[in-house]
Amino acid sequence: MNAGSRRFRRAVPAALALALPLAALAACGGGGTTGATAEKGSGTGTITVWAHQGQESEATAMQNAVKSFNSSQDKIKAKLTLIPDNDYTKTITTTDASKLPDVMEFDGPTMANFVYNKKLAPMDDYVSSKTLANATDAIKAQGEIDGRHYGLGMFDSGLGIYGNKKLLDAAGVKYPTGVSDAWTAEEFTAAVKKLAAKDSDGKSLDLQENNGYATEWGTYGFAPIVWSAGGSLLENGKAEGGLDTPEVASALKTFQGWKKYTDSNTDGNAFAKGRVGLSWVGHWMYPTYSKALGKDLVVLPLPDFGNGSKTGQGSWQWGIGANTKNGKAAGAFLDALLNDTNVAAMTTANGAPPGTKSVLAKSELYKQGGPLQLFADQLAKPCGDSKIDKSCVAVTRPVSAGYPTVTAKFSQALSDIYGGTEPKTALEKAARAIDQDFSDNAGYQLP
């Protein structure tokens, strides 16, 4: 793993780090036909809590939240176990449901698979209505299945294009001010070419190639092209007819054409060092980029391929273990964990968009007029994982127990396309593989 990918893991474990090999997670789908429900219990005693051990500042914020909860009352004691990020999803997947904790964190896209395997229970009866109401719509979209909530997050994520104002101005490139006037795909390509013409090596764009594309970055980072072209990764349990459309193939042909202008970014510093004028990445790079560019940093939406500019969203969430004997105590802990103090501390630690309405409105980075207002504006128009039309912007990755197969096949297709494979061929292959897997697993029907 090179320095760039290490930095990626450290900077954004919350948004993208599906640490378990995805095919392995998919293979665990035995599923059942009835959902799991948690026992209410006494609402007192000791509860166990598992969390991923992300960057040091995140771990400290989590430890402080648990200490604060334990000292604030004497009925419930939360016992926290931090598990290394790279082992976390695998640990949940390989642990029998009966041995999982009362409360656990999980990477958002894995939720449906854990529900399918009866490892998570709905939390609606145990967390307060105030906690649910304060969650942003985008957070709820990621954590909801059939009207029941299985996950709530302290923070979210988002994508955009960072621009170097000095280089853009020098090349005579006009750029958007927000989602409403996002570049079209053609305008974005023209901007890339104009910048390249002024660059000594002809490279003007960073697409985080250093993270690889046959990875969760491939799906998270570039599924927005599919959605913006009017397509989908999965619709009504099928990829064919949504992923392999002519419009999606054309859009990814455009993506393929950017390769000649893209810095491979092996050192992770292509944008920060001024080698390129545009960087397609997420909120997590703001601290580094802001420090490097200062007032020359501009934050722009992703280009519009016809169905409106789109962004990914979703991150780590919290849920209640299906086999808990104390759902009432678990809910009380989650109410405390998701209060303003703890959400503000965690999002200050990791720089992510707050997952609650109250903290988001006051965030120095994301509030109206803040430097990252664009990300908040995008998340304020959630699509969920369906009904992806021009009126919405932030799209949830498919909430399906078969998501690991979806992302594995799509990201491989994306990587192949970037490497020169004809988009139509790669997309049709991916769609067939996804649909075959879903057929083999009875559509991964959730309880």
Protein backbone atom coordinates (compact mmCIF):
# COMPACT_ATOMS: atom_id res chain seq x y z
CA MET A 1 0.00 0.00 0.00
CA ASN A 2 1.56 3.27 -1.07
CA ALA A 3 1.60 6.49 0.91
CA GLY A 4 -1.38 7.83 -0.96
CA SER A 5 -3.59 4.84 -0.21
CA ARG A 6 -2.51 4.81 3.43
CA ARG A 7 -3.56 8.43 3.65
CA PHE A 8 -6.88 7.51 2.02
CA ARG A 9 -7.53 4.81 4.60
CA ARG A 10 -6.61 7.08 7.45
CA ALA A 11 -8.47 10.12 6.18
CA VAL A 12 -11.74 8.47 5.27
CA PRO A 13 -12.24 5.17 7.02
CA ALA A 14 -15.73 6.36 7.76
CA ALA A 15 -16.90 6.91 4.22
CA LEU A 16 -15.45 4.09 2.24
CA ALA A 17 -13.45 1.48 4.04
CA LEU A 18 -15.31 -1.75 3.35
CA ALA A 19 -12.43 -3.60 4.88
CA LEU A 20 -13.68 -7.12 4.23
CA PRO A 21 -13.16 -8.48 0.72
CA LEU A 22 -16.58 -7.77 -0.70
CA ALA A 23 -17.15 -11.12 -2.34
CA ALA A 24 -16.64 -12.76 1.03
CA LEU A 25 -19.33 -10.61 2.60
CA ALA A 26 -21.73 -11.43 -0.21
CA ALA A 27 -21.04 -15.11 0.21
CA CYS A 28 -22.21 -14.91 3.82
CA GLY A 29 -25.76 -14.18 2.69
CA GLY A 30 -27.82 -17.13 3.79
CA GLY A 31 -30.59 -14.92 4.95
CA GLY A 32 -33.92 -15.71 6.41
CA THR A 33 -37.50 -14.89 5.76
CA THR A 34 -38.27 -13.29 9.11
CA GLY A 35 -36.59 -10.27 10.62
CA ALA A 36 -34.81 -10.19 13.93
CA THR A 37 -36.10 -8.04 16.78
CA ALA A 38 -34.24 -7.05 19.91
CA GLU A 39 -35.48 -7.83 23.40
CA LYS A 40 -36.47 -4.76 25.40
CA GLY A 41 -34.80 -5.76 28.66
CA SER A 42 -34.62 -3.82 31.90
CA GLY A 43 -32.92 -0.70 30.59
CA THR A 44 -30.23 -1.12 33.23
CA GLY A 45 -26.91 -2.95 33.59
CA THR A 46 -23.88 -3.33 31.36
CA ILE A 47 -24.10 -3.15 27.58
CA THR A 48 -21.33 -3.97 25.12
CA VAL A 49 -20.38 -1.55 22.35
CA TRP A 50 -18.17 -2.20 19.32
CA ALA A 51 -16.67 0.57 17.20
CA HIS A 52 -14.03 0.81 14.50
CA GLN A 53 -10.71 2.25 15.55
CA GLY A 54 -10.26 4.92 12.91
CA GLN A 55 -7.89 7.83 13.09
CA GLU A 56 -6.64 8.66 16.57
CA SER A 57 -8.83 11.74 16.91
CA GLU A 58 -11.95 9.68 16.11
CA ALA A 59 -11.02 7.01 18.65
CA THR A 60 -10.49 9.67 21.32
CA ALA A 61 -13.86 11.27 20.58
CA MET A 62 -15.53 7.86 20.85
CA GLN A 63 -13.82 7.03 24.14
CA ASN A 64 -14.81 10.41 25.55
CA ALA A 65 -18.44 9.88 24.51
CA VAL A 66 -18.57 6.56 26.37
CA LYS A 67 -16.91 8.01 29.47
CA SER A 68 -19.36 10.90 29.46
CA PHE A 69 -22.35 8.56 29.14
CA ASN A 70 -21.15 6.32 31.97
CA SER A 71 -20.54 9.24 34.30
CA SER A 72 -23.83 10.98 33.48
CA GLN A 73 -26.00 8.29 35.10
CA ASP A 74 -25.67 5.12 37.16
CA LYS A 75 -28.22 2.79 35.57
CA ILE A 76 -26.30 1.73 32.47
CA LYS A 77 -22.62 1.06 31.93
CA ALA A 78 -21.35 0.96 28.34
CA LYS A 79 -18.29 -1.20 27.77
CA LEU A 80 -16.46 -0.11 24.61
CA THR A 81 -14.29 -2.30 22.40
CA LEU A 82 -12.37 -0.63 19.56
CA ILE A 83 -11.50 -2.94 16.68
CA PRO A 84 -8.89 -1.99 14.04
CA ASP A 85 -10.47 -0.49 10.94
CA ASN A 86 -9.02 -3.06 8.55
CA ASP A 87 -10.45 -5.95 10.59
CA TYR A 88 -13.74 -4.42 11.60
CA THR A 89 -16.24 -5.54 8.96
CA LYS A 90 -14.66 -8.97 8.77
CA THR A 91 -15.03 -9.32 12.54
CA ILE A 92 -18.76 -8.62 12.45
CA THR A 93 -19.23 -10.87 9.45
CA THR A 94 -17.44 -13.86 10.96
CA THR A 95 -18.92 -13.50 14.46
CA ASP A 96 -22.07 -15.46 15.21
CA ALA A 97 -25.06 -13.19 15.76
CA SER A 98 -25.44 -14.46 19.32
CA LYS A 99 -21.97 -13.19 20.19
CA LEU A 100 -22.26 -9.71 18.71
CA PRO A 101 -22.55 -6.69 21.03
CA ASP A 102 -25.65 -4.82 22.14
CA VAL A 103 -24.62 -1.77 20.12
CA MET A 104 -22.32 -1.76 17.12
CA GLU A 105 -20.97 0.50 14.46
CA PHE A 106 -20.93 -0.67 10.86
CA ASP A 107 -20.03 0.73 7.47
CA GLY A 108 -23.28 1.91 5.91
CA PRO A 109 -23.29 -0.17 2.71
CA THR A 110 -22.91 -3.38 4.76
CA MET A 111 -26.09 -2.74 6.75
CA ALA A 112 -28.53 -4.60 4.52
CA ASN A 113 -26.30 -7.67 4.51
CA PHE A 114 -26.19 -7.66 8.32
CA VAL A 115 -29.98 -7.27 8.48
CA TYR A 116 -30.30 -10.13 5.98
CA ASN A 117 -28.13 -12.29 8.22
CA LYS A 118 -30.12 -11.30 11.34
CA LYS A 119 -27.29 -9.42 12.99
CA LEU A 120 -29.09 -6.06 13.29
CA ALA A 121 -32.50 -5.24 14.71
CA PRO A 122 -34.73 -2.20 14.07
CA MET A 123 -34.07 0.58 16.56
CA ASP A 124 -37.36 2.47 16.20
CA ASP A 125 -38.76 1.19 19.51
CA TYR A 126 -35.60 2.01 21.47
CA VAL A 127 -34.15 5.33 20.34
CA SER A 128 -36.17 8.45 21.04
CA SER A 129 -38.36 10.14 18.44
CA LYS A 130 -36.21 13.24 19.00
CA THR A 131 -33.06 11.35 17.93
CA LEU A 132 -34.75 10.02 14.81
CA ALA A 133 -36.21 13.43 13.91
CA ASN A 134 -32.82 15.13 14.28
CA ALA A 135 -31.08 12.78 11.84
CA THR A 136 -30.63 14.31 8.40
CA ASP A 137 -32.75 12.90 5.60
CA ALA A 138 -29.63 11.61 3.85
CA ILE A 139 -28.52 9.70 6.97
CA LYS A 140 -31.98 8.18 7.35
CA ALA A 141 -32.01 7.17 3.69
CA GLN A 142 -28.92 5.04 4.24
CA GLY A 143 -30.20 3.44 7.44
CA GLU A 144 -33.81 2.62 6.56
CA ILE A 145 -35.36 -0.54 5.13
CA ASP A 146 -39.11 -0.78 4.55
CA GLY A 147 -39.83 2.08 6.92
CA ARG A 148 -37.75 0.67 9.78
CA HIS A 149 -34.48 2.20 10.93
CA TYR A 150 -31.51 -0.10 11.39
CA GLY A 151 -28.78 2.53 11.35
CA LEU A 152 -28.12 6.14 12.32
CA GLY A 153 -24.83 7.92 11.76
CA MET A 154 -22.89 10.61 13.56
CA PHE A 155 -21.60 11.87 10.22
CA ASP A 156 -22.02 11.58 6.48
CA SER A 157 -19.82 12.04 3.42
CA GLY A 158 -19.83 13.80 0.08
CA LEU A 159 -18.01 14.27 -3.20
CA GLY A 160 -17.03 17.31 -5.18
CA ILE A 161 -14.34 18.81 -7.35
CA TYR A 162 -11.69 20.95 -5.71
CA GLY A 163 -10.33 23.63 -8.00
CA ASN A 164 -7.19 25.75 -7.93
CA LYS A 165 -8.54 29.24 -8.58
CA LYS A 166 -5.17 30.60 -9.67
CA LEU A 167 -4.76 27.90 -12.34
CA LEU A 168 -8.40 28.12 -13.45
CA ASP A 169 -8.19 31.88 -13.89
CA ALA A 170 -4.89 31.66 -15.74
CA ALA A 171 -6.44 29.19 -18.20
CA GLY A 172 -9.53 31.35 -18.65
CA VAL A 173 -11.83 28.68 -17.21
CA LYS A 174 -15.18 29.76 -15.78
CA TYR A 175 -16.40 27.50 -13.01
CA PRO A 176 -19.70 26.84 -11.18
CA THR A 177 -20.80 28.57 -8.01
CA GLY A 178 -22.98 25.69 -6.79
CA VAL A 179 -25.08 22.67 -7.75
CA SER A 180 -27.56 24.76 -9.72
CA ASP A 181 -24.97 25.77 -12.33
CA ALA A 182 -22.79 22.64 -12.31
CA TRP A 183 -20.64 22.08 -15.38
CA THR A 184 -22.13 19.81 -18.01
CA ALA A 185 -19.91 16.85 -18.84
CA GLU A 186 -18.83 18.66 -22.00
CA GLU A 187 -17.98 21.84 -20.09
CA PHE A 188 -15.99 19.87 -17.52
CA THR A 189 -14.03 18.11 -20.26
CA ALA A 190 -13.37 21.47 -21.92
CA ALA A 191 -12.07 22.86 -18.62
CA VAL A 192 -9.78 19.86 -18.19
CA LYS A 193 -8.40 20.39 -21.70
CA LYS A 194 -7.90 24.13 -21.22
CA LEU A 195 -5.98 23.54 -18.02
CA ALA A 196 -3.93 20.79 -19.65
CA ALA A 197 -2.96 23.12 -22.49
CA LYS A 198 -1.38 25.46 -19.93
CA ASP A 199 0.39 22.62 -18.09
CA SER A 200 3.92 21.50 -18.88
CA ASP A 201 3.10 17.78 -18.75
CA GLY A 202 -0.45 18.07 -20.09
CA LYS A 203 -1.92 16.66 -16.89
CA SER A 204 -4.60 18.80 -15.29
CA LEU A 205 -6.87 16.39 -13.38
CA ASP A 206 -6.66 14.21 -10.27
CA LEU A 207 -9.14 11.30 -10.08
CA GLN A 208 -7.50 9.67 -7.04
CA GLU A 209 -6.07 7.00 -9.31
CA ASN A 210 -3.70 6.11 -6.48
CA ASN A 211 -6.60 4.49 -4.59
CA GLY A 212 -7.37 2.12 -7.45
CA TYR A 213 -10.73 1.82 -9.15
CA ALA A 214 -11.52 -1.88 -8.57
CA THR A 215 -12.18 -0.86 -4.97
CA GLU A 216 -14.91 0.83 -2.96
CA TRP A 217 -13.41 4.13 -4.10
CA GLY A 218 -14.29 3.14 -7.65
CA THR A 219 -17.95 2.72 -6.73
CA TYR A 220 -18.23 5.59 -4.29
CA GLY A 221 -16.26 8.01 -6.42
CA PHE A 222 -17.73 7.30 -9.84
CA ALA A 223 -21.19 5.77 -9.46
CA PRO A 224 -22.33 9.43 -9.52
CA ILE A 225 -21.50 9.37 -13.24
CA VAL A 226 -23.95 6.48 -13.69
CA TRP A 227 -26.67 8.27 -11.71
CA SER A 228 -26.04 11.57 -13.46
CA ALA A 229 -26.43 9.83 -16.80
CA GLY A 230 -29.86 8.60 -15.75
CA GLY A 231 -28.73 5.07 -14.91
CA SER A 232 -28.56 3.02 -11.74
CA LEU A 233 -26.36 0.38 -10.16
CA LEU A 234 -29.41 -1.60 -9.13
CA GLU A 235 -33.10 -1.01 -9.72
CA ASN A 236 -35.79 -3.32 -8.39
CA GLY A 237 -33.11 -5.92 -7.75
CA LYS A 238 -31.71 -5.82 -11.27
CA ALA A 239 -28.66 -4.24 -12.88
CA GLU A 240 -29.58 -4.95 -16.49
CA GLY A 241 -31.46 -2.03 -17.99
CA GLY A 242 -30.06 0.43 -15.48
CA LEU A 243 -26.31 -0.07 -15.42
CA ASP A 244 -25.75 -1.04 -19.05
CA THR A 245 -27.73 1.65 -20.87
CA PRO A 246 -26.31 3.54 -23.87
CA GLU A 247 -26.39 6.74 -21.81
CA VAL A 248 -24.25 5.22 -19.05
CA ALA A 249 -21.85 3.72 -21.58
CA SER A 250 -21.50 7.12 -23.26
CA ALA A 251 -20.87 8.85 -19.94
CA LEU A 252 -18.17 6.35 -18.99
CA LYS A 253 -16.64 6.75 -22.45
CA THR A 254 -16.21 10.40 -21.47
CA PHE A 255 -14.64 9.31 -18.17
CA GLN A 256 -12.29 7.05 -20.11
CA GLY A 257 -11.25 10.00 -22.25
CA TRP A 258 -10.05 11.94 -19.21
CA LYS A 259 -7.25 9.45 -18.60
CA LYS A 260 -4.82 11.25 -20.92
CA TYR A 261 -5.17 14.41 -18.80
CA THR A 262 -5.05 12.64 -15.41
CA ASP A 263 -2.08 12.69 -13.05
CA SER A 264 -1.60 9.17 -11.65
CA ASN A 265 -1.09 10.83 -8.26
CA THR A 266 1.16 8.11 -6.89
CA ASP A 267 2.36 10.44 -4.12
CA GLY A 268 -1.13 11.68 -3.25
CA ASN A 269 -0.03 15.28 -3.78
CA ALA A 270 -1.03 16.05 -7.38
CA PHE A 271 -3.48 18.77 -6.40
CA ALA A 272 -1.91 20.02 -3.18
CA LYS A 273 1.43 20.54 -4.93
CA GLY A 274 -0.20 22.41 -7.82
CA ARG A 275 0.55 19.81 -10.50
CA VAL A 276 -3.14 19.78 -11.50
CA GLY A 277 -5.92 22.33 -11.29
CA LEU A 278 -8.83 19.99 -10.50
CA SER A 279 -9.27 17.13 -8.02
CA TRP A 280 -12.29 14.80 -7.98
CA VAL A 281 -12.52 13.61 -4.37
CA GLY A 282 -14.48 14.06 -1.16
CA HIS A 283 -14.87 16.25 1.88
CA TRP A 284 -12.00 14.49 3.67
CA MET A 285 -9.33 16.22 1.59
CA TYR A 286 -10.42 19.72 2.61
CA PRO A 287 -7.94 20.11 5.51
CA THR A 288 -4.97 19.17 3.32
CA TYR A 289 -6.11 21.19 0.32
CA SER A 290 -7.11 24.23 2.35
CA LYS A 291 -3.73 24.31 4.05
CA ALA A 292 -1.95 24.01 0.70
CA LEU A 293 -3.98 26.49 -1.36
CA GLY A 294 -5.62 28.85 1.11
CA LYS A 295 -7.86 31.35 -0.68
CA ASP A 296 -7.09 29.79 -4.05
CA LEU A 297 -9.19 26.71 -3.15
CA VAL A 298 -12.68 26.52 -4.66
CA VAL A 299 -15.21 23.73 -4.06
CA LEU A 300 -17.33 22.67 -7.02
CA PRO A 301 -20.03 20.06 -7.75
CA LEU A 302 -19.45 17.02 -9.96
CA PRO A 303 -20.40 17.47 -13.62
CA ASP A 304 -23.91 16.91 -14.95
CA PHE A 305 -24.26 14.11 -17.50
CA GLY A 306 -27.91 14.94 -18.20
CA ASN A 307 -29.79 13.89 -15.07
CA GLY A 308 -28.35 16.58 -12.82
CA SER A 309 -25.14 16.67 -10.80
CA LYS A 310 -24.98 13.77 -8.33
CA THR A 311 -22.80 12.84 -5.36
CA GLY A 312 -22.32 9.76 -3.25
CA GLN A 313 -23.17 9.84 0.46
CA GLY A 314 -23.13 7.51 3.43
CA SER A 315 -20.67 6.52 6.09
CA TRP A 316 -20.33 4.57 9.32
CA GLN A 317 -23.59 4.08 11.19
CA TRP A 318 -24.72 2.79 14.57
CA GLY A 319 -27.22 0.03 15.22
CA ILE A 320 -28.56 -2.41 17.78
CA GLY A 321 -27.43 -6.03 17.76
CA ALA A 322 -30.30 -8.37 16.93
CA ASN A 323 -29.54 -10.65 19.87
CA THR A 324 -29.32 -7.98 22.55
CA LYS A 325 -31.31 -8.68 25.71
CA ASN A 326 -31.36 -4.99 26.57
CA GLY A 327 -32.67 -2.95 23.66
CA LYS A 328 -33.92 -0.23 25.99
CA ALA A 329 -30.42 0.38 27.38
CA ALA A 330 -28.92 0.20 23.89
CA GLY A 331 -31.36 2.86 22.72
CA ALA A 332 -30.55 5.10 25.67
CA PHE A 333 -26.85 4.87 24.81
CA LEU A 334 -27.53 5.75 21.16
CA ASP A 335 -29.63 8.74 22.21
CA ALA A 336 -26.63 10.01 24.17
CA LEU A 337 -24.10 9.15 21.48
CA LEU A 338 -26.06 11.12 18.89
CA ASN A 339 -26.48 14.25 20.97
CA ASP A 340 -25.03 17.60 19.91
CA THR A 341 -21.96 17.38 22.12
CA ASN A 342 -20.80 14.00 20.83
CA VAL A 343 -21.68 14.57 17.17
CA ALA A 344 -19.90 17.94 17.23
CA ALA A 345 -16.83 16.38 18.87
CA MET A 346 -16.67 13.53 16.36
CA THR A 347 -17.14 15.71 13.29
CA THR A 348 -14.58 18.18 14.58
CA ALA A 349 -12.22 15.22 14.92
CA ASN A 350 -12.74 13.85 11.41
CA GLY A 351 -14.00 16.86 9.43
CA ALA A 352 -17.02 14.99 8.04
CA PRO A 353 -20.47 16.50 7.47
CA PRO A 354 -22.50 16.14 10.70
CA GLY A 355 -25.26 13.56 10.53
CA THR A 356 -27.72 15.53 12.64
CA LYS A 357 -29.67 18.61 11.62
CA SER A 358 -28.80 20.57 14.76
CA VAL A 359 -25.02 20.14 14.50
CA LEU A 360 -24.96 20.58 10.73
CA ALA A 361 -26.68 23.97 11.01
CA LYS A 362 -23.97 25.23 13.39
CA SER A 363 -20.93 23.63 11.75
CA GLU A 364 -18.25 26.18 10.88
CA LEU A 365 -17.32 24.18 7.78
CA TYR A 366 -20.77 23.16 6.51
CA LYS A 367 -23.16 25.91 7.62
CA GLN A 368 -24.53 28.44 5.14
CA GLY A 369 -21.57 30.58 4.09
CA GLY A 370 -19.05 28.00 5.30
CA PRO A 371 -16.26 26.78 3.01
CA LEU A 372 -17.92 23.37 2.56
CA GLN A 373 -21.52 24.57 2.26
CA LEU A 374 -21.67 22.78 -1.11
CA PHE A 375 -21.52 19.39 0.60
CA ALA A 376 -24.35 20.32 2.97
CA ASP A 377 -26.40 21.66 0.07
CA GLN A 378 -25.94 18.36 -1.77
CA LEU A 379 -26.88 16.26 1.25
CA ALA A 380 -29.98 18.41 1.74
CA LYS A 381 -31.33 16.96 -1.51
CA PRO A 382 -31.16 13.19 -0.92
CA CYS A 383 -32.34 10.69 -3.53
CA GLY A 384 -32.17 7.63 -1.33
CA ASP A 385 -31.16 4.63 -3.43
CA SER A 386 -34.03 4.96 -5.92
CA LYS A 387 -36.07 7.69 -7.62
CA ILE A 388 -32.86 9.26 -8.87
CA ASP A 389 -34.09 12.23 -10.86
CA LYS A 390 -32.97 15.80 -11.54
CA SER A 391 -34.55 17.12 -8.34
CA CYS A 392 -32.15 15.29 -6.00
CA VAL A 393 -28.38 15.18 -5.65
CA ALA A 394 -27.05 12.85 -2.91
CA VAL A 395 -27.51 9.18 -3.80
CA THR A 396 -27.26 6.31 -1.33
CA ARG A 397 -25.40 3.24 -2.54
CA PRO A 398 -27.91 0.39 -3.05
CA VAL A 399 -29.45 -0.69 0.25
CA SER A 400 -29.30 -4.38 -0.57
CA ALA A 401 -27.84 -7.47 1.03
CA GLY A 402 -26.28 -8.09 -2.37
CA TYR A 403 -24.43 -4.76 -2.38
CA PRO A 404 -21.01 -6.42 -2.01
CA THR A 405 -21.55 -8.11 -5.39
CA VAL A 406 -22.84 -4.89 -6.94
CA THR A 407 -19.79 -2.88 -5.90
CA ALA A 408 -17.33 -5.63 -6.73
CA LYS A 409 -18.65 -6.01 -10.28
CA PHE A 410 -19.19 -2.32 -10.97
CA SER A 411 -15.81 -1.21 -9.65
CA GLN A 412 -14.07 -3.89 -11.71
CA ALA A 413 -15.95 -2.70 -14.79
CA LEU A 414 -14.91 0.88 -14.04
CA SER A 415 -11.28 -0.15 -13.66
CA ASP A 416 -11.45 -2.07 -16.94
CA ILE A 417 -13.01 0.91 -18.71
CA TYR A 418 -10.31 3.23 -17.42
CA GLY A 419 -7.80 0.71 -18.71
CA GLY A 420 -9.26 0.81 -22.21
CA THR A 421 -12.12 -1.71 -22.34
CA GLU A 422 -15.14 -0.58 -24.33
CA PRO A 423 -17.70 0.70 -21.77
CA LYS A 424 -20.64 -1.15 -23.33
CA THR A 425 -18.78 -4.46 -23.06
CA ALA A 426 -17.65 -3.93 -19.46
CA LEU A 427 -21.06 -2.72 -18.28
CA GLU A 428 -22.97 -5.56 -19.89
CA LYS A 429 -20.60 -8.07 -18.30
CA ALA A 430 -21.02 -6.47 -14.88
CA ALA A 431 -24.81 -6.31 -15.18
CA ARG A 432 -25.03 -9.99 -16.16
CA ALA A 433 -22.80 -11.03 -13.26
CA ILE A 434 -24.77 -8.98 -10.73
CA ASP A 435 -28.12 -10.30 -11.96
CA GLN A 436 -26.88 -13.88 -11.97
CA ASP A 437 -25.72 -13.55 -8.37
CA PHE A 438 -29.04 -12.05 -7.32
CA SER A 439 -30.88 -14.84 -9.12
CA ASP A 440 -28.72 -17.44 -7.34
CA ASN A 441 -29.60 -15.84 -3.99
CA ALA A 442 -33.34 -15.37 -4.53
CA GLY A 443 -32.88 -11.64 -4.95
CA TYR A 444 -31.39 -11.22 -1.46
CA GLN A 445 -34.91 -10.57 -0.22
CA LEU A 446 -34.80 -8.90 3.17
CA PRO A 447 -37.19 -9.90 5.94
